[in-house]
């Protein structure tokens, strides 16, 4: 999933980051809700089975924000795609420790 994120053009990732990070722009609330629902559907069912679904949602949203920042670091040349992928796997494993993280090569 992270490798796919790296293929999204930087300008498009900025729009996604706006949806994720700037919840104060209420004109985007409907789009943000749709994006959030779509993002939650991409994570394993285990992420939605936490004791509190709101906590699970917040964890996925937090991980999404971190992965977007990491993808921006790759685009800026601050880190290689391979190194960033390793970090992405660790982020996913730390945020959702009960889910099995599968790396696709």
N, C-alpha and C. Protein backbone atom coordinates (compact mmCIF):
# COMPACT_ATOMS: atom_id res chain seq x y z
N UNK A 1 0.83 -1.19 0.00
CA UNK A 1 0.00 0.00 0.00
C UNK A 1 0.88 1.25 0.00
N UNK A 2 1.96 1.23 0.76
CA UNK A 2 2.84 2.40 0.81
C UNK A 2 3.50 2.63 -0.53
N UNK A 3 3.91 1.56 -1.22
CA UNK A 3 4.52 1.73 -2.55
C UNK A 3 3.55 2.42 -3.51
N UNK A 4 2.27 2.11 -3.41
CA UNK A 4 1.27 2.79 -4.22
C UNK A 4 1.22 4.27 -3.87
N UNK A 5 1.28 4.58 -2.60
CA UNK A 5 1.25 5.97 -2.14
C UNK A 5 2.40 6.76 -2.76
N UNK A 6 3.54 6.11 -2.95
CA UNK A 6 4.69 6.78 -3.55
C UNK A 6 4.45 7.14 -5.02
N UNK A 7 3.53 6.46 -5.67
CA UNK A 7 3.27 6.74 -7.09
C UNK A 7 2.32 7.92 -7.29
N UNK A 8 1.67 8.35 -6.24
CA UNK A 8 0.74 9.49 -6.35
C UNK A 8 1.56 10.76 -6.49
N UNK A 9 1.27 11.59 -7.48
CA UNK A 9 2.03 12.84 -7.66
C UNK A 9 1.99 13.71 -6.40
N UNK A 10 3.08 14.41 -6.16
CA UNK A 10 3.21 15.23 -4.95
C UNK A 10 2.05 16.20 -4.76
N UNK A 11 1.60 16.83 -5.85
CA UNK A 11 0.49 17.79 -5.74
C UNK A 11 -0.78 17.10 -5.26
N UNK A 12 -1.02 15.89 -5.73
CA UNK A 12 -2.20 15.14 -5.31
C UNK A 12 -2.07 14.70 -3.85
N UNK A 13 -0.85 14.33 -3.45
CA UNK A 13 -0.63 13.96 -2.04
C UNK A 13 -0.87 15.15 -1.14
N UNK A 14 -0.56 16.35 -1.61
CA UNK A 14 -0.82 17.56 -0.79
C UNK A 14 -2.30 17.72 -0.55
N UNK A 15 -3.11 17.43 -1.54
CA UNK A 15 -4.57 17.51 -1.37
C UNK A 15 -5.02 16.49 -0.34
N UNK A 16 -4.49 15.29 -0.42
CA UNK A 16 -4.84 14.26 0.55
C UNK A 16 -4.42 14.69 1.95
N UNK A 17 -3.23 15.27 2.06
CA UNK A 17 -2.76 15.73 3.37
C UNK A 17 -3.67 16.81 3.93
N UNK A 18 -4.18 17.66 3.05
CA UNK A 18 -5.13 18.69 3.49
C UNK A 18 -6.36 18.04 4.11
N UNK A 19 -6.85 16.99 3.46
CA UNK A 19 -8.01 16.28 3.99
C UNK A 19 -7.71 15.64 5.34
N UNK A 20 -6.52 15.08 5.47
CA UNK A 20 -6.16 14.35 6.68
C UNK A 20 -5.80 15.29 7.82
N UNK A 21 -4.99 16.30 7.51
CA UNK A 21 -4.39 17.11 8.58
C UNK A 21 -5.21 18.33 8.97
N UNK A 22 -5.88 18.95 8.03
CA UNK A 22 -6.54 20.23 8.33
C UNK A 22 -8.04 20.04 8.48
N UNK A 23 -8.44 19.53 9.63
CA UNK A 23 -9.86 19.27 9.87
C UNK A 23 -10.64 20.55 10.14
N UNK A 24 -9.94 21.68 10.18
CA UNK A 24 -10.60 22.96 10.41
C UNK A 24 -11.26 23.54 9.18
N UNK A 25 -10.99 22.97 8.02
CA UNK A 25 -11.61 23.45 6.77
C UNK A 25 -12.92 22.66 6.60
N UNK A 26 -13.98 23.23 7.17
CA UNK A 26 -15.26 22.51 7.22
C UNK A 26 -15.91 22.33 5.85
N UNK A 27 -15.53 23.12 4.89
CA UNK A 27 -16.07 22.96 3.54
C UNK A 27 -15.68 21.59 2.96
N UNK A 28 -14.63 20.99 3.51
CA UNK A 28 -14.16 19.69 3.02
C UNK A 28 -14.66 18.51 3.85
N UNK A 29 -15.54 18.77 4.80
CA UNK A 29 -15.99 17.70 5.71
C UNK A 29 -16.58 16.51 4.98
N UNK A 30 -17.43 16.73 4.00
CA UNK A 30 -18.06 15.61 3.29
C UNK A 30 -17.03 14.78 2.54
N UNK A 31 -16.11 15.45 1.86
CA UNK A 31 -15.06 14.75 1.13
C UNK A 31 -14.17 14.01 2.12
N UNK A 32 -13.85 14.67 3.22
CA UNK A 32 -13.00 14.06 4.25
C UNK A 32 -13.66 12.80 4.80
N UNK A 33 -14.96 12.83 5.06
CA UNK A 33 -15.67 11.66 5.58
C UNK A 33 -15.63 10.51 4.59
N UNK A 34 -15.82 10.81 3.32
CA UNK A 34 -15.76 9.76 2.29
C UNK A 34 -14.36 9.18 2.19
N UNK A 35 -13.35 10.07 2.22
CA UNK A 35 -11.97 9.61 2.14
C UNK A 35 -11.63 8.75 3.36
N UNK A 36 -12.06 9.18 4.52
CA UNK A 36 -11.78 8.44 5.76
C UNK A 36 -12.41 7.05 5.70
N UNK A 37 -13.64 6.97 5.24
CA UNK A 37 -14.31 5.67 5.12
C UNK A 37 -13.56 4.78 4.14
N UNK A 38 -13.12 5.35 3.04
CA UNK A 38 -12.36 4.59 2.05
C UNK A 38 -11.03 4.12 2.65
N UNK A 39 -10.38 5.00 3.37
CA UNK A 39 -9.09 4.66 3.99
C UNK A 39 -9.26 3.54 5.02
N UNK A 40 -10.30 3.62 5.83
CA UNK A 40 -10.56 2.57 6.81
C UNK A 40 -10.81 1.22 6.14
N UNK A 41 -11.44 1.25 4.98
CA UNK A 41 -11.74 0.00 4.28
C UNK A 41 -10.48 -0.66 3.72
N UNK A 42 -9.40 0.11 3.56
CA UNK A 42 -8.16 -0.45 3.03
C UNK A 42 -7.33 -1.19 4.07
N UNK A 43 -7.58 -0.92 5.34
CA UNK A 43 -6.82 -1.56 6.41
C UNK A 43 -7.51 -2.87 6.77
N UNK A 44 -6.78 -3.82 7.27
CA UNK A 44 -7.38 -5.12 7.62
C UNK A 44 -8.51 -4.98 8.63
N UNK A 45 -9.38 -5.94 8.61
CA UNK A 45 -10.53 -5.92 9.51
C UNK A 45 -10.09 -5.82 10.97
N UNK A 46 -8.92 -6.33 11.28
CA UNK A 46 -8.41 -6.27 12.66
C UNK A 46 -8.36 -4.83 13.16
N UNK A 47 -8.06 -3.89 12.26
CA UNK A 47 -7.98 -2.48 12.65
C UNK A 47 -9.34 -1.97 13.11
N UNK A 48 -10.41 -2.56 12.62
CA UNK A 48 -11.75 -2.11 13.00
C UNK A 48 -12.30 -2.90 14.18
N UNK A 49 -11.56 -3.89 14.66
CA UNK A 49 -12.04 -4.72 15.75
C UNK A 49 -11.44 -4.35 17.10
N UNK A 50 -10.83 -3.21 17.18
CA UNK A 50 -10.31 -2.78 18.47
C UNK A 50 -11.49 -2.56 19.42
N UNK A 51 -11.22 -2.51 20.71
CA UNK A 51 -12.29 -2.36 21.70
C UNK A 51 -13.17 -1.14 21.42
N UNK A 52 -12.57 -0.07 20.95
CA UNK A 52 -13.30 1.16 20.65
C UNK A 52 -13.10 1.50 19.18
N UNK A 53 -14.15 1.40 18.36
CA UNK A 53 -14.02 1.69 16.93
C UNK A 53 -13.49 3.09 16.64
N UNK A 54 -13.80 4.05 17.52
CA UNK A 54 -13.30 5.41 17.32
C UNK A 54 -11.79 5.45 17.49
N UNK A 55 -11.27 4.67 18.42
CA UNK A 55 -9.83 4.59 18.60
C UNK A 55 -9.19 3.94 17.39
N UNK A 56 -9.80 2.87 16.90
CA UNK A 56 -9.29 2.22 15.68
C UNK A 56 -9.25 3.19 14.52
N UNK A 57 -10.31 3.95 14.36
CA UNK A 57 -10.37 4.95 13.29
C UNK A 57 -9.28 6.00 13.46
N UNK A 58 -9.09 6.46 14.68
CA UNK A 58 -8.05 7.47 14.95
C UNK A 58 -6.66 6.92 14.67
N UNK A 59 -6.43 5.66 15.01
CA UNK A 59 -5.14 5.04 14.73
C UNK A 59 -4.86 4.96 13.23
N UNK A 60 -5.87 4.54 12.47
CA UNK A 60 -5.70 4.47 11.02
C UNK A 60 -5.45 5.86 10.45
N UNK A 61 -6.18 6.85 10.92
CA UNK A 61 -6.03 8.23 10.44
C UNK A 61 -4.64 8.75 10.77
N UNK A 62 -4.14 8.44 11.96
CA UNK A 62 -2.79 8.85 12.37
C UNK A 62 -1.74 8.18 11.50
N UNK A 63 -1.90 6.90 11.26
CA UNK A 63 -0.95 6.19 10.40
C UNK A 63 -0.97 6.76 8.99
N UNK A 64 -2.15 7.09 8.49
CA UNK A 64 -2.26 7.68 7.16
C UNK A 64 -1.48 8.98 7.08
N UNK A 65 -1.61 9.81 8.08
CA UNK A 65 -0.89 11.08 8.12
C UNK A 65 0.63 10.84 8.12
N UNK A 66 1.07 9.89 8.92
CA UNK A 66 2.50 9.59 8.99
C UNK A 66 3.02 9.05 7.66
N UNK A 67 2.25 8.19 7.01
CA UNK A 67 2.68 7.62 5.73
C UNK A 67 2.73 8.68 4.64
N UNK A 68 1.81 9.62 4.69
CA UNK A 68 1.85 10.73 3.73
C UNK A 68 3.11 11.56 3.92
N UNK A 69 3.45 11.84 5.16
CA UNK A 69 4.67 12.60 5.46
C UNK A 69 5.90 11.84 4.98
N UNK A 70 5.90 10.55 5.17
CA UNK A 70 7.01 9.72 4.74
C UNK A 70 7.14 9.71 3.21
N UNK A 71 6.01 9.64 2.52
CA UNK A 71 6.03 9.71 1.05
C UNK A 71 6.57 11.05 0.57
N UNK A 72 6.23 12.11 1.27
CA UNK A 72 6.77 13.43 0.92
C UNK A 72 8.28 13.47 1.11
N UNK A 73 8.77 12.79 2.14
CA UNK A 73 10.22 12.74 2.37
C UNK A 73 10.93 12.00 1.24
N UNK A 74 10.29 10.97 0.70
CA UNK A 74 10.86 10.27 -0.46
C UNK A 74 10.90 11.20 -1.66
N UNK A 75 9.80 11.91 -1.90
CA UNK A 75 9.72 12.83 -3.04
C UNK A 75 10.76 13.94 -2.93
N UNK A 76 11.06 14.36 -1.71
CA UNK A 76 12.05 15.42 -1.50
C UNK A 76 13.48 14.90 -1.57
N UNK A 77 13.63 13.59 -1.63
CA UNK A 77 14.97 13.02 -1.69
C UNK A 77 15.63 12.86 -0.33
N UNK A 78 14.85 13.01 0.73
CA UNK A 78 15.39 12.91 2.08
C UNK A 78 15.64 11.47 2.51
N UNK A 79 14.94 10.52 1.87
CA UNK A 79 15.06 9.11 2.21
C UNK A 79 14.74 8.29 0.95
N UNK A 80 15.35 7.12 0.82
CA UNK A 80 15.07 6.28 -0.34
C UNK A 80 13.71 5.60 -0.19
N UNK A 81 13.15 5.17 -1.30
CA UNK A 81 11.86 4.47 -1.27
C UNK A 81 11.97 3.19 -0.46
N UNK A 82 13.08 2.47 -0.59
CA UNK A 82 13.24 1.23 0.16
C UNK A 82 13.31 1.49 1.66
N UNK A 83 14.09 2.48 2.06
CA UNK A 83 14.19 2.80 3.49
C UNK A 83 12.84 3.29 4.01
N UNK A 84 12.14 4.09 3.22
CA UNK A 84 10.83 4.60 3.63
C UNK A 84 9.83 3.46 3.77
N UNK A 85 9.91 2.48 2.90
CA UNK A 85 9.01 1.34 2.99
C UNK A 85 9.25 0.57 4.28
N UNK A 86 10.51 0.42 4.67
CA UNK A 86 10.82 -0.24 5.95
C UNK A 86 10.21 0.54 7.11
N UNK A 87 10.31 1.86 7.06
CA UNK A 87 9.72 2.70 8.12
C UNK A 87 8.20 2.57 8.09
N UNK A 88 7.61 2.55 6.90
CA UNK A 88 6.16 2.42 6.78
C UNK A 88 5.66 1.12 7.41
N UNK A 89 6.40 0.04 7.21
CA UNK A 89 6.03 -1.24 7.81
C UNK A 89 6.08 -1.13 9.33
N UNK A 90 7.09 -0.45 9.85
CA UNK A 90 7.21 -0.28 11.30
C UNK A 90 6.09 0.59 11.85
N UNK A 91 5.73 1.64 11.11
CA UNK A 91 4.63 2.51 11.55
C UNK A 91 3.34 1.70 11.63
N UNK A 92 3.04 0.96 10.58
CA UNK A 92 1.82 0.16 10.57
C UNK A 92 1.83 -0.85 11.71
N UNK A 93 2.97 -1.48 11.94
CA UNK A 93 3.07 -2.46 13.01
C UNK A 93 2.95 -1.84 14.39
N UNK A 94 3.45 -0.61 14.54
CA UNK A 94 3.38 0.06 15.84
C UNK A 94 1.99 0.61 16.12
N UNK A 95 1.34 1.14 15.10
CA UNK A 95 0.03 1.74 15.28
C UNK A 95 -1.04 0.67 15.46
N UNK A 96 -0.90 -0.40 14.73
CA UNK A 96 -1.87 -1.49 14.80
C UNK A 96 -1.13 -2.78 15.12
N UNK A 97 -0.65 -2.92 16.34
CA UNK A 97 0.22 -4.04 16.68
C UNK A 97 -0.41 -5.42 16.53
N UNK A 98 -1.72 -5.50 16.53
CA UNK A 98 -2.33 -6.83 16.42
C UNK A 98 -2.54 -7.27 14.98
N UNK A 99 -2.31 -6.35 14.04
CA UNK A 99 -2.51 -6.75 12.64
C UNK A 99 -1.22 -7.34 12.09
N UNK A 100 -1.35 -8.23 11.17
CA UNK A 100 -0.18 -8.81 10.53
C UNK A 100 0.21 -7.88 9.39
N UNK A 101 1.43 -7.40 9.41
CA UNK A 101 1.91 -6.51 8.37
C UNK A 101 2.56 -7.36 7.29
N UNK A 102 2.04 -7.25 6.10
CA UNK A 102 2.56 -8.02 4.99
C UNK A 102 3.24 -7.07 4.03
N UNK A 103 4.49 -7.34 3.72
CA UNK A 103 5.24 -6.51 2.79
C UNK A 103 5.19 -7.12 1.41
N UNK A 104 4.80 -6.34 0.43
CA UNK A 104 4.86 -6.82 -0.95
C UNK A 104 6.12 -6.23 -1.58
N UNK A 105 6.80 -7.02 -2.30
CA UNK A 105 8.06 -6.59 -2.91
C UNK A 105 7.82 -5.94 -4.23
